[in-house]
Amino acid sequence: MPKASLTSRLIALIIDSIILGIIGAVVGAVVGSNVLGVGTGFIVGILYNWYFWTRNNGQTPGKSLMGIRVVNTSGGGVNDVQAIIRYIGYYISTFILLLGWLWAIPDPENQTLHDKLAGTYVVKA
């Protein structure tokens, strides 16, 4: 499967971040900014990504618009555990100067750290 370009992945991430920001603001206004001691944004983000990665052919709205999707390393669908690990991996990838994201530049498979942790690729749909 042809891997998605880093540019298409970045644009998809920006689109999804805008959508998540709006959803998070609405949910935060309705239920409060802190749910069960965990930030509303984290809960909304994990549910959003889990749903689209596991129940929508690996495509969030941003990925769909960019014609890319998340798959497991065998090319099949992402399971629940992979989706959760991948989302938590976003935070790990971002934590130290975005090095987990930048990892994809020299990587021959265009995998970020969170892709490697979850056993996923982002490919052209």
Protein backbone atom coordinates (compact mmCIF):
# COMPACT_ATOMS: atom_id res chain seq x y z
CA MET A 1 0.00 0.00 0.00
CA PRO A 2 1.36 3.43 -0.86
CA LYS A 3 2.09 5.42 2.29
CA ALA A 4 0.50 8.83 2.85
CA SER A 5 2.74 11.87 2.54
CA LEU A 6 3.68 13.76 5.66
CA THR A 7 2.06 16.88 4.17
CA SER A 8 -1.32 15.16 3.72
CA ARG A 9 -1.06 13.80 7.27
CA LEU A 10 -0.35 17.27 8.66
CA ILE A 11 -3.27 18.85 6.80
CA ALA A 12 -5.59 16.07 8.02
CA LEU A 13 -4.36 16.63 11.58
CA ILE A 14 -5.08 20.36 11.32
CA ILE A 15 -8.61 19.71 9.99
CA ASP A 16 -9.32 17.18 12.76
CA SER A 17 -7.87 19.52 15.39
CA ILE A 18 -10.26 22.28 14.34
CA ILE A 19 -13.21 19.87 14.49
CA LEU A 20 -12.06 18.52 17.86
CA GLY A 21 -11.63 22.05 19.20
CA ILE A 22 -15.23 22.88 18.34
CA ILE A 23 -16.59 19.61 19.75
CA GLY A 24 -14.45 19.96 22.87
CA ALA A 25 -15.66 23.51 23.47
CA VAL A 26 -19.30 22.47 23.17
CA VAL A 27 -18.88 19.41 25.40
CA GLY A 28 -16.82 21.41 27.89
CA ALA A 29 -19.53 24.08 28.07
CA VAL A 30 -22.22 21.46 28.65
CA VAL A 31 -20.51 19.14 31.14
CA GLY A 32 -17.74 21.35 32.47
CA SER A 33 -14.11 21.56 31.54
CA ASN A 34 -13.07 18.61 33.68
CA VAL A 35 -14.76 15.22 33.52
CA LEU A 36 -13.85 12.58 36.11
CA GLY A 37 -10.49 14.25 36.74
CA VAL A 38 -9.46 13.89 33.09
CA GLY A 39 -9.52 16.79 30.67
CA THR A 40 -12.57 16.98 28.44
CA GLY A 41 -10.33 17.47 25.42
CA PHE A 42 -8.55 14.17 26.06
CA ILE A 43 -11.81 12.24 26.42
CA VAL A 44 -13.38 13.85 23.33
CA GLY A 45 -10.15 13.25 21.37
CA ILE A 46 -9.86 9.60 22.28
CA LEU A 47 -13.54 8.91 21.51
CA TYR A 48 -13.39 10.82 18.21
CA ASN A 49 -10.26 9.08 16.96
CA TRP A 50 -11.24 5.65 18.30
CA TYR A 51 -14.58 5.85 16.49
CA PHE A 52 -13.21 6.96 13.14
CA TRP A 53 -10.13 4.73 13.18
CA THR A 54 -12.04 1.59 14.16
CA ARG A 55 -15.56 2.12 12.81
CA ASN A 56 -15.04 4.32 9.74
CA ASN A 57 -12.42 2.53 7.64
CA GLY A 58 -9.56 4.27 9.48
CA GLN A 59 -10.63 7.72 8.29
CA THR A 60 -11.31 10.72 10.46
CA PRO A 61 -13.00 13.58 8.60
CA GLY A 62 -9.60 15.18 8.02
CA LYS A 63 -8.08 11.96 6.71
CA SER A 64 -11.13 11.39 4.51
CA LEU A 65 -10.77 14.86 2.96
CA MET A 66 -7.09 14.17 2.32
CA GLY A 67 -7.74 10.69 0.86
CA ILE A 68 -5.74 8.83 3.51
CA ARG A 69 -6.51 6.32 6.25
CA VAL A 70 -4.98 4.45 9.19
CA VAL A 71 -4.40 0.72 8.81
CA ASN A 72 -2.62 -1.93 10.84
CA THR A 73 0.76 -3.20 9.63
CA SER A 74 -0.98 -6.01 7.70
CA GLY A 75 -3.10 -3.47 5.82
CA GLY A 76 -6.30 -4.33 7.70
CA GLY A 77 -8.46 -2.33 10.05
CA VAL A 78 -7.27 -0.85 13.31
CA ASN A 79 -8.60 -2.59 16.43
CA ASP A 80 -9.74 -0.92 19.65
CA VAL A 81 -6.45 -1.43 21.49
CA GLN A 82 -4.39 -0.09 18.60
CA ALA A 83 -6.60 2.99 18.39
CA ILE A 84 -6.19 3.77 22.08
CA ILE A 85 -2.42 3.16 22.01
CA ARG A 86 -2.12 5.32 18.89
CA TYR A 87 -4.03 8.19 20.46
CA ILE A 88 -2.04 8.07 23.70
CA GLY A 89 1.04 7.86 21.48
CA TYR A 90 0.10 11.29 20.06
CA TYR A 91 0.97 12.74 23.46
CA ILE A 92 4.22 10.79 23.63
CA SER A 93 5.12 11.89 20.08
CA THR A 94 4.49 15.51 21.01
CA PHE A 95 6.02 15.52 24.49
CA ILE A 96 9.67 16.14 23.64
CA LEU A 97 9.97 18.76 20.91
CA LEU A 98 7.71 16.85 18.49
CA LEU A 99 10.44 14.25 17.99
CA GLY A 100 7.90 11.43 17.73
CA TRP A 101 6.29 13.21 14.78
CA LEU A 102 9.61 14.17 13.17
CA TRP A 103 10.66 10.53 13.41
CA ALA A 104 8.58 9.95 10.25
CA ILE A 105 10.86 12.13 8.08
CA PRO A 106 13.78 9.69 7.91
CA ASP A 107 11.63 6.60 8.45
CA PRO A 108 11.33 4.57 5.22
CA GLU A 109 7.70 3.68 6.07
CA ASN A 110 6.72 7.26 7.07
CA GLN A 111 5.79 5.95 10.51
CA THR A 112 5.68 8.31 13.47
CA LEU A 113 6.45 7.09 16.97
CA HIS A 114 2.73 6.63 17.68
CA ASP A 115 2.39 4.54 14.50
CA LYS A 116 5.24 2.32 15.64
CA LEU A 117 3.78 1.98 19.16
CA ALA A 118 0.35 0.99 17.82
CA GLY A 119 1.50 -1.07 14.84
CA THR A 120 -0.14 1.21 12.26
CA TYR A 121 0.55 2.99 9.00
CA VAL A 122 -1.18 5.90 7.31
CA VAL A 123 -1.78 5.03 3.67
CA LYS A 124 -3.48 6.51 0.64
CA ALA A 125 -7.14 5.49 0.63
